[in-house]
PDB file of all heavy atoms in Angstrom:
ATOM      1  N   GLU A   1      12.680 -32.280 -17.628  1.00  0.00           N
ATOM      2  CA  GLU A   1      11.477 -31.729 -16.976  1.00  0.00           C
ATOM      3  C   GLU A   1      11.064 -30.401 -17.590  1.00  0.00           C
ATOM      4  O   GLU A   1      11.812 -29.397 -17.537  1.00  0.00           O
ATOM      5  CB  GLU A   1      11.655 -31.671 -15.517  1.00  0.00           C
ATOM      6  CG  GLU A   1      10.316 -31.317 -14.692  1.00  0.00           C
ATOM      7  CD  GLU A   1       9.377 -32.437 -14.710  1.00  0.00           C
ATOM      8  OE1 GLU A   1       9.830 -33.663 -14.864  1.00  0.00           O
ATOM      9  OE2 GLU A   1       8.136 -32.200 -14.587  1.00  0.00           O
ATOM     10  N   PRO A   2       9.841 -30.283 -18.171  1.00  0.00           N
ATOM     11  CA  PRO A   2       9.470 -28.983 -18.727  1.00  0.00           C
ATOM     12  C   PRO A   2       9.284 -27.864 -17.672  1.00  0.00           C
ATOM     13  O   PRO A   2       8.772 -28.232 -16.572  1.00  0.00           O
ATOM     14  CB  PRO A   2       8.149 -29.338 -19.445  1.00  0.00           C
ATOM     15  CG  PRO A   2       8.095 -30.750 -19.556  1.00  0.00           C
ATOM     16  CD  PRO A   2       8.837 -31.318 -18.343  1.00  0.00           C
ATOM     17  N   VAL A   3       9.619 -26.681 -18.030  1.00  0.00           N
ATOM     18  CA  VAL A   3       9.232 -25.494 -17.278  1.00  0.00           C
ATOM     19  C   VAL A   3       8.433 -24.658 -18.156  1.00  0.00           C
ATOM     20  O   VAL A   3       8.864 -24.297 -19.327  1.00  0.00           O
ATOM     21  CB  VAL A   3      10.521 -24.718 -16.800  1.00  0.00           C
ATOM     22  CG1 VAL A   3      10.154 -23.417 -16.186  1.00  0.00           C
ATOM     23  CG2 VAL A   3      11.363 -25.586 -15.881  1.00  0.00           C
ATOM     24  N   VAL A   4       7.226 -24.282 -17.739  1.00  0.00           N
ATOM     25  CA  VAL A   4       6.271 -23.632 -18.616  1.00  0.00           C
ATOM     26  C   VAL A   4       6.141 -22.179 -18.211  1.00  0.00           C
ATOM     27  O   VAL A   4       5.915 -21.897 -16.997  1.00  0.00           O
ATOM     28  CB  VAL A   4       4.883 -24.310 -18.496  1.00  0.00           C
ATOM     29  CG1 VAL A   4       3.849 -23.587 -19.444  1.00  0.00           C
ATOM     30  CG2 VAL A   4       5.032 -25.822 -19.037  1.00  0.00           C
ATOM     31  N   PHE A   5       6.277 -21.252 -19.124  1.00  0.00           N
ATOM     32  CA  PHE A   5       6.052 -19.852 -18.902  1.00  0.00           C
ATOM     33  C   PHE A   5       4.630 -19.429 -19.233  1.00  0.00           C
ATOM     34  O   PHE A   5       4.047 -19.984 -20.111  1.00  0.00           O
ATOM     35  CB  PHE A   5       6.956 -18.960 -19.793  1.00  0.00           C
ATOM     36  CG  PHE A   5       8.459 -19.072 -19.539  1.00  0.00           C
ATOM     37  CD1 PHE A   5       9.360 -18.610 -20.486  1.00  0.00           C
ATOM     38  CD2 PHE A   5       8.876 -19.614 -18.288  1.00  0.00           C
ATOM     39  CE1 PHE A   5      10.751 -18.645 -20.121  1.00  0.00           C
ATOM     40  CE2 PHE A   5      10.251 -19.602 -17.978  1.00  0.00           C
ATOM     41  CZ  PHE A   5      11.184 -19.142 -18.897  1.00  0.00           C
ATOM     42  N   SER A   6       4.061 -18.532 -18.523  1.00  0.00           N
ATOM     43  CA  SER A   6       2.799 -17.975 -18.838  1.00  0.00           C
ATOM     44  C   SER A   6       3.000 -16.706 -19.621  1.00  0.00           C
ATOM     45  O   SER A   6       3.904 -15.901 -19.309  1.00  0.00           O
ATOM     46  CB  SER A   6       1.975 -17.654 -17.537  1.00  0.00           C
ATOM     47  OG  SER A   6       1.697 -18.806 -16.814  1.00  0.00           O
ATOM     48  N   ARG A   7       2.103 -16.439 -20.612  1.00  0.00           N
ATOM     49  CA  ARG A   7       2.178 -15.166 -21.331  1.00  0.00           C
ATOM     50  C   ARG A   7       1.971 -13.968 -20.406  1.00  0.00           C
ATOM     51  O   ARG A   7       1.041 -13.962 -19.620  1.00  0.00           O
ATOM     52  CB  ARG A   7       1.179 -15.163 -22.453  1.00  0.00           C
ATOM     53  CG  ARG A   7       1.295 -13.995 -23.384  1.00  0.00           C
ATOM     54  CD  ARG A   7       0.343 -14.069 -24.602  1.00  0.00           C
ATOM     55  NE  ARG A   7       0.727 -15.282 -25.440  1.00  0.00           N
ATOM     56  CZ  ARG A   7       1.564 -15.232 -26.323  1.00  0.00           C
ATOM     57  NH1 ARG A   7       2.366 -14.207 -26.498  1.00  0.00           N
ATOM     58  NH2 ARG A   7       1.772 -16.370 -27.047  1.00  0.00           N
ATOM     59  N   ARG A   8       2.935 -13.081 -20.500  1.00  0.00           N
ATOM     60  CA  ARG A   8       2.766 -11.881 -19.604  1.00  0.00           C
ATOM     61  C   ARG A   8       1.715 -10.924 -20.158  1.00  0.00           C
ATOM     62  O   ARG A   8       1.551 -10.789 -21.372  1.00  0.00           O
ATOM     63  CB  ARG A   8       4.143 -11.188 -19.491  1.00  0.00           C
ATOM     64  CG  ARG A   8       5.109 -12.072 -18.733  1.00  0.00           C
ATOM     65  CD  ARG A   8       6.450 -11.413 -18.566  1.00  0.00           C
ATOM     66  NE  ARG A   8       6.401 -10.078 -17.804  1.00  0.00           N
ATOM     67  CZ  ARG A   8       6.498  -9.933 -16.570  1.00  0.00           C
ATOM     68  NH1 ARG A   8       6.571 -10.994 -15.799  1.00  0.00           N
ATOM     69  NH2 ARG A   8       6.452  -8.737 -15.944  1.00  0.00           N
ATOM     70  N   LYS A   9       1.017 -10.238 -19.188  1.00  0.00           N
ATOM     71  CA  LYS A   9      -0.089  -9.319 -19.600  1.00  0.00           C
ATOM     72  C   LYS A   9       0.515  -7.841 -19.514  1.00  0.00           C
ATOM     73  O   LYS A   9       1.427  -7.520 -18.802  1.00  0.00           O
ATOM     74  CB  LYS A   9      -1.211  -9.521 -18.681  1.00  0.00           C
ATOM     75  CG  LYS A   9      -1.777 -10.885 -18.791  1.00  0.00           C
ATOM     76  CD  LYS A   9      -2.925 -11.151 -17.720  1.00  0.00           C
ATOM     77  CE  LYS A   9      -3.433 -12.589 -17.885  1.00  0.00           C
ATOM     78  NZ  LYS A   9      -4.569 -12.817 -16.840  1.00  0.00           N
ATOM     79  N   PRO A  10      -0.175  -6.964 -20.231  1.00  0.00           N
ATOM     80  CA  PRO A  10       0.324  -5.536 -20.200  1.00  0.00           C
ATOM     81  C   PRO A  10       0.444  -4.922 -18.829  1.00  0.00           C
ATOM     82  O   PRO A  10       1.352  -4.149 -18.562  1.00  0.00           O
ATOM     83  CB  PRO A  10      -0.714  -4.779 -21.093  1.00  0.00           C
ATOM     84  CG  PRO A  10      -1.232  -5.846 -22.050  1.00  0.00           C
ATOM     85  CD  PRO A  10      -1.186  -7.125 -21.217  1.00  0.00           C
ATOM     86  N   ASN A  11      -0.506  -5.328 -17.936  1.00  0.00           N
ATOM     87  CA  ASN A  11      -0.432  -4.672 -16.532  1.00  0.00           C
ATOM     88  C   ASN A  11       0.795  -5.166 -15.726  1.00  0.00           C
ATOM     89  O   ASN A  11       1.078  -4.599 -14.683  1.00  0.00           O
ATOM     90  CB  ASN A  11      -1.722  -4.962 -15.811  1.00  0.00           C
ATOM     91  CG  ASN A  11      -2.042  -6.412 -15.572  1.00  0.00           C
ATOM     92  OD1 ASN A  11      -1.194  -7.339 -15.901  1.00  0.00           O
ATOM     93  ND2 ASN A  11      -3.168  -6.710 -14.932  1.00  0.00           N
ATOM     94  N   GLN A  12       1.389  -6.186 -16.208  1.00  0.00           N
ATOM     95  CA  GLN A  12       2.632  -6.735 -15.497  1.00  0.00           C
ATOM     96  C   GLN A  12       3.863  -5.874 -15.851  1.00  0.00           C
ATOM     97  O   GLN A  12       4.925  -6.028 -15.326  1.00  0.00           O
ATOM     98  CB  GLN A  12       2.913  -8.135 -15.928  1.00  0.00           C
ATOM     99  CG  GLN A  12       1.935  -9.131 -15.348  1.00  0.00           C
ATOM    100  CD  GLN A  12       2.213 -10.509 -15.721  1.00  0.00           C
ATOM    101  OE1 GLN A  12       1.937 -10.925 -16.855  1.00  0.00           O
ATOM    102  NE2 GLN A  12       2.744 -11.280 -14.727  1.00  0.00           N
ATOM    103  N   GLY A  13       3.693  -4.862 -16.696  1.00  0.00           N
ATOM    104  CA  GLY A  13       4.808  -3.881 -16.983  1.00  0.00           C
ATOM    105  C   GLY A  13       4.818  -2.768 -15.940  1.00  0.00           C
ATOM    106  O   GLY A  13       5.698  -1.880 -16.084  1.00  0.00           O
ATOM    107  N   ASN A  14       3.993  -2.785 -14.986  1.00  0.00           N
ATOM    108  CA  ASN A  14       3.989  -1.685 -13.939  1.00  0.00           C
ATOM    109  C   ASN A  14       5.190  -1.799 -13.068  1.00  0.00           C
ATOM    110  O   ASN A  14       5.387  -2.915 -12.500  1.00  0.00           O
ATOM    111  CB  ASN A  14       2.677  -1.798 -13.148  1.00  0.00           C
ATOM    112  CG  ASN A  14       2.440  -0.613 -12.220  1.00  0.00           C
ATOM    113  OD1 ASN A  14       3.310   0.197 -12.052  1.00  0.00           O
ATOM    114  ND2 ASN A  14       1.203  -0.508 -11.792  1.00  0.00           N
ATOM    115  N   VAL A  15       5.986  -0.775 -12.971  1.00  0.00           N
ATOM    116  CA  VAL A  15       7.205  -0.825 -12.157  1.00  0.00           C
ATOM    117  C   VAL A  15       6.959  -0.302 -10.763  1.00  0.00           C
ATOM    118  O   VAL A  15       7.974  -0.251  -9.949  1.00  0.00           O
ATOM    119  CB  VAL A  15       8.327   0.008 -12.882  1.00  0.00           C
ATOM    120  CG1 VAL A  15       8.647  -0.582 -14.222  1.00  0.00           C
ATOM    121  CG2 VAL A  15       8.028   1.424 -12.953  1.00  0.00           C
ATOM    122  N   ALA A  16       5.755   0.046 -10.359  1.00  0.00           N
ATOM    123  CA  ALA A  16       5.496   0.688  -9.102  1.00  0.00           C
ATOM    124  C   ALA A  16       5.904  -0.177  -7.879  1.00  0.00           C
ATOM    125  O   ALA A  16       6.385   0.430  -6.842  1.00  0.00           O
ATOM    126  CB  ALA A  16       4.030   1.001  -8.994  1.00  0.00           C
ATOM    127  N   GLU A  17       5.876  -1.474  -7.974  1.00  0.00           N
ATOM    128  CA  GLU A  17       6.209  -2.370  -6.837  1.00  0.00           C
ATOM    129  C   GLU A  17       7.640  -2.815  -6.837  1.00  0.00           C
ATOM    130  O   GLU A  17       8.076  -3.552  -5.890  1.00  0.00           O
ATOM    131  CB  GLU A  17       5.276  -3.502  -6.775  1.00  0.00           C
ATOM    132  CG  GLU A  17       3.807  -3.193  -6.705  1.00  0.00           C
ATOM    133  CD  GLU A  17       3.433  -2.361  -5.432  1.00  0.00           C
ATOM    134  OE1 GLU A  17       4.026  -2.620  -4.397  1.00  0.00           O
ATOM    135  OE2 GLU A  17       2.591  -1.408  -5.536  1.00  0.00           O
ATOM    136  N   LEU A  18       8.456  -2.379  -7.862  1.00  0.00           N
ATOM    137  CA  LEU A  18       9.815  -2.882  -7.920  1.00  0.00           C
ATOM    138  C   LEU A  18      10.685  -2.121  -6.889  1.00  0.00           C
ATOM    139  O   LEU A  18      10.422  -0.915  -6.657  1.00  0.00           O
ATOM    140  CB  LEU A  18      10.362  -2.673  -9.278  1.00  0.00           C
ATOM    141  CG  LEU A  18       9.619  -3.497 -10.435  1.00  0.00           C
ATOM    142  CD1 LEU A  18      10.283  -3.250 -11.749  1.00  0.00           C
ATOM    143  CD2 LEU A  18       9.547  -4.955 -10.122  1.00  0.00           C
ATOM    144  N   LYS A  19      11.722  -2.739  -6.356  1.00  0.00           N
ATOM    145  CA  LYS A  19      12.542  -2.163  -5.333  1.00  0.00           C
ATOM    146  C   LYS A  19      13.948  -1.910  -5.761  1.00  0.00           C
ATOM    147  O   LYS A  19      14.547  -1.057  -5.119  1.00  0.00           O
ATOM    148  CB  LYS A  19      12.575  -3.119  -4.058  1.00  0.00           C
ATOM    149  CG  LYS A  19      11.133  -3.285  -3.413  1.00  0.00           C
ATOM    150  CD  LYS A  19      11.225  -4.180  -2.308  1.00  0.00           C
ATOM    151  CE  LYS A  19       9.866  -4.458  -1.662  1.00  0.00           C
ATOM    152  NZ  LYS A  19       9.876  -5.429  -0.477  1.00  0.00           N
ATOM    153  N   GLU A  20      14.429  -2.594  -6.759  1.00  0.00           N
ATOM    154  CA  GLU A  20      15.780  -2.314  -7.194  1.00  0.00           C
ATOM    155  C   GLU A  20      15.872  -1.703  -8.549  1.00  0.00           C
ATOM    156  O   GLU A  20      15.036  -2.016  -9.488  1.00  0.00           O
ATOM    157  CB  GLU A  20      16.413  -3.727  -7.264  1.00  0.00           C
ATOM    158  CG  GLU A  20      16.456  -4.571  -5.927  1.00  0.00           C
ATOM    159  CD  GLU A  20      17.317  -3.889  -4.864  1.00  0.00           C
ATOM    160  OE1 GLU A  20      18.196  -3.093  -5.190  1.00  0.00           O
ATOM    161  OE2 GLU A  20      16.940  -4.079  -3.655  1.00  0.00           O
ATOM    162  N   LEU A  21      16.937  -0.920  -8.724  1.00  0.00           N
ATOM    163  CA  LEU A  21      17.074  -0.172 -10.007  1.00  0.00           C
ATOM    164  C   LEU A  21      17.244  -1.137 -11.197  1.00  0.00           C
ATOM    165  O   LEU A  21      16.732  -0.928 -12.296  1.00  0.00           O
ATOM    166  CB  LEU A  21      18.248   0.790  -9.934  1.00  0.00           C
ATOM    167  CG  LEU A  21      17.910   2.089  -9.230  1.00  0.00           C
ATOM    168  CD1 LEU A  21      19.281   2.951  -9.091  1.00  0.00           C
ATOM    169  CD2 LEU A  21      16.947   2.958  -9.983  1.00  0.00           C
ATOM    170  N   ASN A  22      18.031  -2.165 -10.954  1.00  0.00           N
ATOM    171  CA  ASN A  22      18.321  -3.115 -12.079  1.00  0.00           C
ATOM    172  C   ASN A  22      16.948  -3.811 -12.523  1.00  0.00           C
ATOM    173  O   ASN A  22      16.863  -4.184 -13.685  1.00  0.00           O
ATOM    174  CB  ASN A  22      19.358  -4.140 -11.663  1.00  0.00           C
ATOM    175  CG  ASN A  22      18.890  -5.003 -10.545  1.00  0.00           C
ATOM    176  OD1 ASN A  22      18.565  -4.530  -9.474  1.00  0.00           O
ATOM    177  ND2 ASN A  22      18.952  -6.371 -10.717  1.00  0.00           N
ATOM    178  N   GLU A  23      16.055  -4.011 -11.586  1.00  0.00           N
ATOM    179  CA  GLU A  23      14.736  -4.635 -11.942  1.00  0.00           C
ATOM    180  C   GLU A  23      13.994  -3.603 -12.818  1.00  0.00           C
ATOM    181  O   GLU A  23      13.430  -4.001 -13.830  1.00  0.00           O
ATOM    182  CB  GLU A  23      13.981  -4.919 -10.713  1.00  0.00           C
ATOM    183  CG  GLU A  23      14.485  -6.039  -9.844  1.00  0.00           C
ATOM    184  CD  GLU A  23      13.606  -6.338  -8.648  1.00  0.00           C
ATOM    185  OE1 GLU A  23      13.385  -5.270  -7.911  1.00  0.00           O
ATOM    186  OE2 GLU A  23      13.210  -7.451  -8.454  1.00  0.00           O
ATOM    187  N   VAL A  24      13.927  -2.333 -12.412  1.00  0.00           N
ATOM    188  CA  VAL A  24      13.302  -1.325 -13.243  1.00  0.00           C
ATOM    189  C   VAL A  24      13.906  -1.290 -14.651  1.00  0.00           C
ATOM    190  O   VAL A  24      13.140  -1.195 -15.668  1.00  0.00           O
ATOM    191  CB  VAL A  24      13.329   0.053 -12.543  1.00  0.00           C
ATOM    192  CG1 VAL A  24      12.736   1.150 -13.454  1.00  0.00           C
ATOM    193  CG2 VAL A  24      12.635   0.003 -11.229  1.00  0.00           C
ATOM    194  N   PHE A  25      15.213  -1.231 -14.701  1.00  0.00           N
ATOM    195  CA  PHE A  25      15.930  -1.249 -15.967  1.00  0.00           C
ATOM    196  C   PHE A  25      15.572  -2.350 -16.816  1.00  0.00           C
ATOM    197  O   PHE A  25      15.326  -2.253 -18.080  1.00  0.00           O
ATOM    198  CB  PHE A  25      17.477  -1.182 -15.678  1.00  0.00           C
ATOM    199  CG  PHE A  25      18.308  -1.301 -16.911  1.00  0.00           C
ATOM    200  CD1 PHE A  25      18.369  -0.250 -17.865  1.00  0.00           C
ATOM    201  CD2 PHE A  25      19.091  -2.386 -17.195  1.00  0.00           C
ATOM    202  CE1 PHE A  25      19.099  -0.301 -18.994  1.00  0.00           C
ATOM    203  CE2 PHE A  25      19.903  -2.525 -18.223  1.00  0.00           C
ATOM    204  CZ  PHE A  25      19.922  -1.437 -19.203  1.00  0.00           C
ATOM    205  N   ASP A  26      15.545  -3.590 -16.273  1.00  0.00           N
ATOM    206  CA  ASP A  26      15.191  -4.805 -17.023  1.00  0.00           C
ATOM    207  C   ASP A  26      13.747  -4.661 -17.550  1.00  0.00           C
ATOM    208  O   ASP A  26      13.416  -5.074 -18.638  1.00  0.00           O
ATOM    209  CB  ASP A  26      15.382  -6.052 -16.184  1.00  0.00           C
ATOM    210  CG  ASP A  26      16.786  -6.503 -16.057  1.00  0.00           C
ATOM    211  OD1 ASP A  26      17.627  -6.011 -16.896  1.00  0.00           O
ATOM    212  OD2 ASP A  26      17.106  -7.304 -15.204  1.00  0.00           O
ATOM    213  N   TYR A  27      12.785  -4.200 -16.735  1.00  0.00           N
ATOM    214  CA  TYR A  27      11.428  -4.038 -17.193  1.00  0.00           C
ATOM    215  C   TYR A  27      11.295  -3.166 -18.423  1.00  0.00           C
ATOM    216  O   TYR A  27      10.587  -3.422 -19.332  1.00  0.00           O
ATOM    217  CB  TYR A  27      10.564  -3.541 -16.007  1.00  0.00           C
ATOM    218  CG  TYR A  27       9.848  -4.619 -15.250  1.00  0.00           C
ATOM    219  CD1 TYR A  27      10.571  -5.561 -14.548  1.00  0.00           C
ATOM    220  CD2 TYR A  27       8.467  -4.691 -15.031  1.00  0.00           C
ATOM    221  CE1 TYR A  27       9.962  -6.620 -13.844  1.00  0.00           C
ATOM    222  CE2 TYR A  27       7.781  -5.691 -14.352  1.00  0.00           C
ATOM    223  CZ  TYR A  27       8.562  -6.611 -13.737  1.00  0.00           C
ATOM    224  OH  TYR A  27       7.973  -7.589 -12.978  1.00  0.00           O
ATOM    225  N   ILE A  28      12.042  -2.068 -18.282  1.00  0.00           N
ATOM    226  CA  ILE A  28      11.927  -1.059 -19.407  1.00  0.00           C
ATOM    227  C   ILE A  28      12.581  -1.671 -20.736  1.00  0.00           C
ATOM    228  O   ILE A  28      11.943  -1.589 -21.716  1.00  0.00           O
ATOM    229  CB  ILE A  28      12.759   0.198 -19.082  1.00  0.00           C
ATOM    230  CG1 ILE A  28      12.044   0.950 -17.890  1.00  0.00           C
ATOM    231  CG2 ILE A  28      12.734   1.213 -20.195  1.00  0.00           C
ATOM    232  CD1 ILE A  28      12.812   2.059 -17.337  1.00  0.00           C
ATOM    233  N   ARG A  29      13.735  -2.297 -20.548  1.00  0.00           N
ATOM    234  CA  ARG A  29      14.415  -2.745 -21.846  1.00  0.00           C
ATOM    235  C   ARG A  29      13.676  -3.985 -22.373  1.00  0.00           C
ATOM    236  O   ARG A  29      13.592  -4.127 -23.605  1.00  0.00           O
ATOM    237  CB  ARG A  29      15.895  -2.990 -21.531  1.00  0.00           C
ATOM    238  CG  ARG A  29      16.179  -4.266 -20.653  1.00  0.00           C
ATOM    239  CD  ARG A  29      17.644  -4.437 -20.439  1.00  0.00           C
ATOM    240  NE  ARG A  29      18.011  -5.649 -19.674  1.00  0.00           N
ATOM    241  CZ  ARG A  29      18.235  -6.828 -20.250  1.00  0.00           C
ATOM    242  NH1 ARG A  29      18.188  -6.950 -21.581  1.00  0.00           N
ATOM    243  NH2 ARG A  29      18.523  -7.889 -19.490  1.00  0.00           N
TER     244      ARG A  29
END
């Protein structure tokens, strides 16, 4: 069964709404 990804947009790099440090770290890297 295929799983389809959508191309991420530049505004999705905003870390303002993230709650966990590891999430912020992952977004940066």
